[in-house]
Amino acid sequence: MKQTLNTSWNGNMQFDALVSGHHVIMDARAEVGGQDAGPRPKELMLASLAGCTGMDVISILKKMRVEPKTFNIRIEAELTEEHPKHYSGMHLIYEFSGDGLDEEKLRKAIDLSQDRYCGVSVVYRKAMPITYEIRIMENE
């Protein structure tokens, strides 16, 4: 299945990508000629990974009849110093809260996402190591 995406230059360092009918404005910081009107493209790589695996995990947990009260994914990424600057590794921190959460079920859902379902993760793992941890937060 072929997919296409159009990205238009809006002037200066700003670009507008039309993604699934939604405009995603990307821009650079002012010190490099942008107006800071949107996220940087590399940061969107992190958002893509978090969104992809997050949707998988929630879908799998629902099938397991596990409903977290809250779910958050933080990503710590190592950026190289030399050009072209790129991520050399990513560490995902899956944070859950809720009553009676079974860590083994959470781990199974994450492993299924990482190993079988999340296409973003599969591609990124070909370029760098990706690790993760699970944190079960106390209910407030």
C-alpha atoms as a PDB file:
ATOM      1  CA  MET A   1       0.000   0.000   0.000  1.00  0.00           C
ATOM      2  CA  LYS A   2       1.476   3.307  -1.084  1.00  0.00           C
ATOM      3  CA  GLN A   3       1.016   6.423   1.040  1.00  0.00           C
ATOM      4  CA  THR A   4       1.748   9.978   0.038  1.00  0.00           C
ATOM      5  CA  LEU A   5       2.144  13.149   2.048  1.00  0.00           C
ATOM      6  CA  ASN A   6       2.481  16.745   0.904  1.00  0.00           C
ATOM      7  CA  THR A   7       4.587  19.324   2.735  1.00  0.00           C
ATOM      8  CA  SER A   8       4.553  22.979   1.670  1.00  0.00           C
ATOM      9  CA  TRP A   9       7.055  25.696   2.474  1.00  0.00           C
ATOM     10  CA  ASN A  10       5.427  28.675   4.212  1.00  0.00           C
ATOM     11  CA  GLY A  11       8.497  30.933   4.076  1.00  0.00           C
ATOM     12  CA  ASN A  12      11.502  31.350   6.354  1.00  0.00           C
ATOM     13  CA  MET A  13      11.985  27.952   8.052  1.00  0.00           C
ATOM     14  CA  GLN A  14       8.295  27.008   8.345  1.00  0.00           C
ATOM     15  CA  PHE A  15       6.720  24.003   6.625  1.00  0.00           C
ATOM     16  CA  ASP A  16       3.124  22.760   6.624  1.00  0.00           C
ATOM     17  CA  ALA A  17       2.585  19.009   6.300  1.00  0.00           C
ATOM     18  CA  LEU A  18      -0.926  17.817   5.501  1.00  0.00           C
ATOM     19  CA  VAL A  19      -1.204  14.575   7.496  1.00  0.00           C
ATOM     20  CA  SER A  20      -4.484  12.618   7.349  1.00  0.00           C
ATOM     21  CA  GLY A  21      -6.319  15.857   6.600  1.00  0.00           C
ATOM     22  CA  HIS A  22      -4.654  17.723   9.493  1.00  0.00           C
ATOM     23  CA  HIS A  23      -2.102  20.497   9.170  1.00  0.00           C
ATOM     24  CA  VAL A  24       1.140  19.966  11.079  1.00  0.00           C
ATOM     25  CA  ILE A  25       3.200  23.144  11.136  1.00  0.00           C
ATOM     26  CA  MET A  26       6.935  22.632  11.643  1.00  0.00           C
ATOM     27  CA  ASP A  27       9.307  25.481  12.328  1.00  0.00           C
ATOM     28  CA  ALA A  28      12.754  26.278  13.674  1.00  0.00           C
ATOM     29  CA  ARG A  29      13.877  28.389  16.614  1.00  0.00           C
ATOM     30  CA  ALA A  30      14.313  32.139  16.022  1.00  0.00           C
ATOM     31  CA  GLU A  31      18.104  31.917  16.398  1.00  0.00           C
ATOM     32  CA  VAL A  32      18.284  29.760  13.248  1.00  0.00           C
ATOM     33  CA  GLY A  33      15.801  31.746  11.145  1.00  0.00           C
ATOM     34  CA  GLY A  34      12.460  30.368  12.280  1.00  0.00           C
ATOM     35  CA  GLN A  35       9.608  31.865  14.265  1.00  0.00           C
ATOM     36  CA  ASP A  36       9.087  28.916  16.648  1.00  0.00           C
ATOM     37  CA  ALA A  37       5.560  28.446  15.237  1.00  0.00           C
ATOM     38  CA  GLY A  38       5.663  24.662  15.543  1.00  0.00           C
ATOM     39  CA  PRO A  39       7.708  21.660  16.624  1.00  0.00           C
ATOM     40  CA  ARG A  40      10.976  20.614  15.017  1.00  0.00           C
ATOM     41  CA  PRO A  41      10.879  17.639  12.628  1.00  0.00           C
ATOM     42  CA  LYS A  42      13.206  15.479  14.756  1.00  0.00           C
ATOM     43  CA  GLU A  43      11.006  16.002  17.820  1.00  0.00           C
ATOM     44  CA  LEU A  44       8.051  14.761  15.781  1.00  0.00           C
ATOM     45  CA  MET A  45       9.953  11.476  15.402  1.00  0.00           C
ATOM     46  CA  LEU A  46       9.645  11.067  19.177  1.00  0.00           C
ATOM     47  CA  ALA A  47       5.957  11.995  19.106  1.00  0.00           C
ATOM     48  CA  SER A  48       5.364   9.460  16.315  1.00  0.00           C
ATOM     49  CA  LEU A  49       6.950   6.690  18.348  1.00  0.00           C
ATOM     50  CA  ALA A  50       5.018   7.597  21.510  1.00  0.00           C
ATOM     51  CA  GLY A  51       1.718   7.832  19.634  1.00  0.00           C
ATOM     52  CA  CYS A  52       2.252   4.582  17.748  1.00  0.00           C
ATOM     53  CA  THR A  53       3.180   2.453  20.744  1.00  0.00           C
ATOM     54  CA  GLY A  54       0.680   4.241  22.994  1.00  0.00           C
ATOM     55  CA  MET A  55      -2.250   3.426  20.717  1.00  0.00           C
ATOM     56  CA  ASP A  56      -1.104  -0.186  20.503  1.00  0.00           C
ATOM     57  CA  VAL A  57      -0.723  -0.563  24.267  1.00  0.00           C
ATOM     58  CA  ILE A  58      -4.152   0.913  25.043  1.00  0.00           C
ATOM     59  CA  SER A  59      -5.797  -1.278  22.391  1.00  0.00           C
ATOM     60  CA  ILE A  60      -4.104  -4.432  23.717  1.00  0.00           C
ATOM     61  CA  LEU A  61      -4.872  -3.573  27.355  1.00  0.00           C
ATOM     62  CA  LYS A  62      -8.559  -3.060  26.506  1.00  0.00           C
ATOM     63  CA  LYS A  63      -8.650  -6.565  25.033  1.00  0.00           C
ATOM     64  CA  MET A  64      -7.084  -7.807  28.293  1.00  0.00           C
ATOM     65  CA  ARG A  65      -9.763  -5.878  30.223  1.00  0.00           C
ATOM     66  CA  VAL A  66      -7.096  -3.711  31.844  1.00  0.00           C
ATOM     67  CA  GLU A  67      -8.056  -0.044  32.141  1.00  0.00           C
ATOM     68  CA  PRO A  68      -5.401   2.280  33.552  1.00  0.00           C
ATOM     69  CA  LYS A  69      -6.593   5.496  35.179  1.00  0.00           C
ATOM     70  CA  THR A  70      -3.725   7.396  33.557  1.00  0.00           C
ATOM     71  CA  PHE A  71      -1.151   6.464  30.938  1.00  0.00           C
ATOM     72  CA  ASN A  72       1.821   8.561  29.884  1.00  0.00           C
ATOM     73  CA  ILE A  73       4.865   7.877  27.736  1.00  0.00           C
ATOM     74  CA  ARG A  74       8.060   9.861  28.172  1.00  0.00           C
ATOM     75  CA  ILE A  75      10.954   9.410  25.768  1.00  0.00           C
ATOM     76  CA  GLU A  76      14.575  10.177  26.555  1.00  0.00           C
ATOM     77  CA  ALA A  77      16.570  10.338  23.326  1.00  0.00           C
ATOM     78  CA  GLU A  78      20.301  10.691  22.758  1.00  0.00           C
ATOM     79  CA  LEU A  79      21.178  13.199  20.036  1.00  0.00           C
ATOM     80  CA  THR A  80      24.615  13.067  18.421  1.00  0.00           C
ATOM     81  CA  GLU A  81      26.881  16.127  18.557  1.00  0.00           C
ATOM     82  CA  GLU A  82      28.174  15.839  14.981  1.00  0.00           C
ATOM     83  CA  HIS A  83      26.275  16.579  11.781  1.00  0.00           C
ATOM     84  CA  PRO A  84      24.054  15.180  10.570  1.00  0.00           C
ATOM     85  CA  LYS A  85      22.674  15.258  14.109  1.00  0.00           C
ATOM     86  CA  HIS A  86      20.501  12.223  14.699  1.00  0.00           C
ATOM     87  CA  TYR A  87      19.173  10.097  17.508  1.00  0.00           C
ATOM     88  CA  SER A  88      21.573   7.358  18.547  1.00  0.00           C
ATOM     89  CA  GLY A  89      19.231   5.742  21.072  1.00  0.00           C
ATOM     90  CA  MET A  90      15.827   6.105  22.693  1.00  0.00           C
ATOM     91  CA  HIS A  91      14.504   5.059  26.092  1.00  0.00           C
ATOM     92  CA  LEU A  92      10.737   4.937  26.629  1.00  0.00           C
ATOM     93  CA  ILE A  93       9.246   5.326  30.079  1.00  0.00           C
ATOM     94  CA  TYR A  94       5.699   3.960  30.231  1.00  0.00           C
ATOM     95  CA  GLU A  95       3.914   5.464  33.237  1.00  0.00           C
ATOM     96  CA  PHE A  96       0.621   3.981  34.421  1.00  0.00           C
ATOM     97  CA  SER A  97      -1.688   4.573  37.355  1.00  0.00           C
ATOM     98  CA  GLY A  98      -4.808   2.688  38.344  1.00  0.00           C
ATOM     99  CA  ASP A  99      -6.205   0.141  40.738  1.00  0.00           C
ATOM    100  CA  GLY A 100      -4.749  -3.368  40.724  1.00  0.00           C
ATOM    101  CA  LEU A 101      -2.598  -2.998  37.617  1.00  0.00           C
ATOM    102  CA  ASP A 102      -0.808  -6.243  36.750  1.00  0.00           C
ATOM    103  CA  GLU A 103       2.758  -5.411  35.684  1.00  0.00           C
ATOM    104  CA  GLU A 104       3.028  -8.628  33.657  1.00  0.00           C
ATOM    105  CA  LYS A 105      -0.016  -7.659  31.557  1.00  0.00           C
ATOM    106  CA  LEU A 106       1.408  -4.179  31.048  1.00  0.00           C
ATOM    107  CA  ARG A 107       4.751  -5.679  29.973  1.00  0.00           C
ATOM    108  CA  LYS A 108       3.023  -8.113  27.591  1.00  0.00           C
ATOM    109  CA  ALA A 109       1.093  -5.260  25.945  1.00  0.00           C
ATOM    110  CA  ILE A 110       4.268  -3.195  25.563  1.00  0.00           C
ATOM    111  CA  ASP A 111       6.269  -6.129  24.192  1.00  0.00           C
ATOM    112  CA  LEU A 112       3.539  -6.883  21.638  1.00  0.00           C
ATOM    113  CA  SER A 113       3.568  -3.250  20.569  1.00  0.00           C
ATOM    114  CA  GLN A 114       7.348  -3.042  20.343  1.00  0.00           C
ATOM    115  CA  ASP A 115       7.908  -6.411  18.660  1.00  0.00           C
ATOM    116  CA  ARG A 116       4.839  -6.923  16.489  1.00  0.00           C
ATOM    117  CA  TYR A 117       2.544  -3.944  15.965  1.00  0.00           C
ATOM    118  CA  CYS A 118       4.292  -0.547  16.137  1.00  0.00           C
ATOM    119  CA  GLY A 119       5.732   0.121  12.690  1.00  0.00           C
ATOM    120  CA  VAL A 120       7.532   3.245  13.911  1.00  0.00           C
ATOM    121  CA  SER A 121       9.385   1.237  16.551  1.00  0.00           C
ATOM    122  CA  VAL A 122      10.342  -1.464  14.038  1.00  0.00           C
ATOM    123  CA  VAL A 123      11.933   1.096  11.706  1.00  0.00           C
ATOM    124  CA  TYR A 124      13.691   3.036  14.476  1.00  0.00           C
ATOM    125  CA  ARG A 125      15.156  -0.174  15.973  1.00  0.00           C
ATOM    126  CA  LYS A 126      16.941  -0.775  12.669  1.00  0.00           C
ATOM    127  CA  ALA A 127      18.818   2.487  13.227  1.00  0.00           C
ATOM    128  CA  MET A 128      19.358   2.593  17.008  1.00  0.00           C
ATOM    129  CA  PRO A 129      18.732   0.771  20.275  1.00  0.00           C
ATOM    130  CA  ILE A 130      15.327   1.319  21.879  1.00  0.00           C
ATOM    131  CA  THR A 131      14.815   0.366  25.505  1.00  0.00           C
ATOM    132  CA  TYR A 132      11.912   0.810  27.889  1.00  0.00           C
ATOM    133  CA  GLU A 133      10.845   0.691  31.490  1.00  0.00           C
ATOM    134  CA  ILE A 134       7.479   0.537  33.236  1.00  0.00           C
ATOM    135  CA  ARG A 135       6.537   2.779  36.128  1.00  0.00           C
ATOM    136  CA  ILE A 136       3.338   2.162  38.038  1.00  0.00           C
ATOM    137  CA  MET A 137       2.454   5.408  39.786  1.00  0.00           C
ATOM    138  CA  GLU A 138       0.484   5.687  43.010  1.00  0.00           C
ATOM    139  CA  ASN A 139      -3.131   6.797  42.654  1.00  0.00           C
ATOM    140  CA  GLU A 140      -3.711  10.294  43.885  1.00  0.00           C
END
